[in-house]
């Protein structure tokens, strides 16, 4: 894109959008940008940080200014107001260039594959152009199949009475498209966007709404779905009916969950784990745990409180309810509650704290299903232990 800026100040610029993203685009040690600065055709510098923001570091180009003084030092150049005006114009022209590319679907697909992270980083960092950049976002959804959809197109397909834009974050499209969180929304015919890029988590923290529609994460608390009077009455009755069960489940799980409630978002699954509205989602928790240089103290207060939601119309929950009604202290109830909780952790996108105990519970259930009695070999094992300890003490003496 070639253009010249006139008015209070004069400058000419040529901007070039590469086809492929450089492999070291987000390397901290590499040159911050590829814009060369000239003053009246005299080359000044090729890495002026104030000329273009970091999220546009893939743009290559030349800027030739008529107004900057020639004998300028780099220090005073960084404080120059003229540079700020040039920067503002360059960002504006870059966004115009992206929209020109967006007119051709195939070209934009290639561009988005290469530079979607930069656009999302721009949404996170550039508050002035945030709403404009949001129009360039493309996501797969529960109704789009293999194609991608923009937020604008999503709004045109919204059902009557739908107030919010629904989205779900996760590790991959495969992981989220069969998520239990989608069940009720699919049944009601609502479309859900799949946000599977780690940077989407940061992007949605800043992009709270689009064209007056609030962006709502369906894996968090506060999901409000339209209900008929009949559904509201049914929910009230179910709450009374399951009061005892909710109390027992909370007592069994203790501080692992903040509260146990009946769910309005699942249909076929027995239970899910929901995070707090303003805390980390399960996906964000996974991303933060993967940070090599993370501060472990930070994660303790950012980890969101989990709410265990049960589906009262599911056969497992119904059977559990009748067990609790018959005997609150039933040992199998405790075992089943833990098994439900751990499977909900996995299906809701969390990781297990104790995979060993989960595996032993599954093995116990398999034995029960196959009608295998526990063999006494496991009880005999400890008798060999003292010999091992004796051997260990001998080894210490040798040392």
Foldseek 3Di string as FASTA:
>chain_A
DWDWDDDPWTKTKDKDQDLAADPCLPPPPDQQAAEWEAEPNHTDDGRLPLQEDSLVRRIHMYMYTPPDDPPDDSVVVNVDPVSNVNHVVVVVVVLVVLVVLVVDVVSNVSVCVRRVLSLLVCLLPPVVCNQSSLQSDWFDKLPNPPGTDGPVVLVVPADPPDQAAEEEEAQDPVLPNPFQQCALVVVVVHMYTYHNDLSVQSSCVRCQDHPNHGYAYSQAPDDDDDDDPVRVVVQVVLCVLCVLVQVLLCVLCPQLAPGEEADPRGDAAFKAKGFYRPADAQRNLVVQVPDPPHDPVVCVVRGTGIYIHGHSPYPVNVVLSVVCVVPVPDPVSSLVSVLSVQVNCVSRNHDDPCVPVNVVSVVVVVCVVVVHDDDCPVVCVVVCVVVVVVVVVVVVVVD
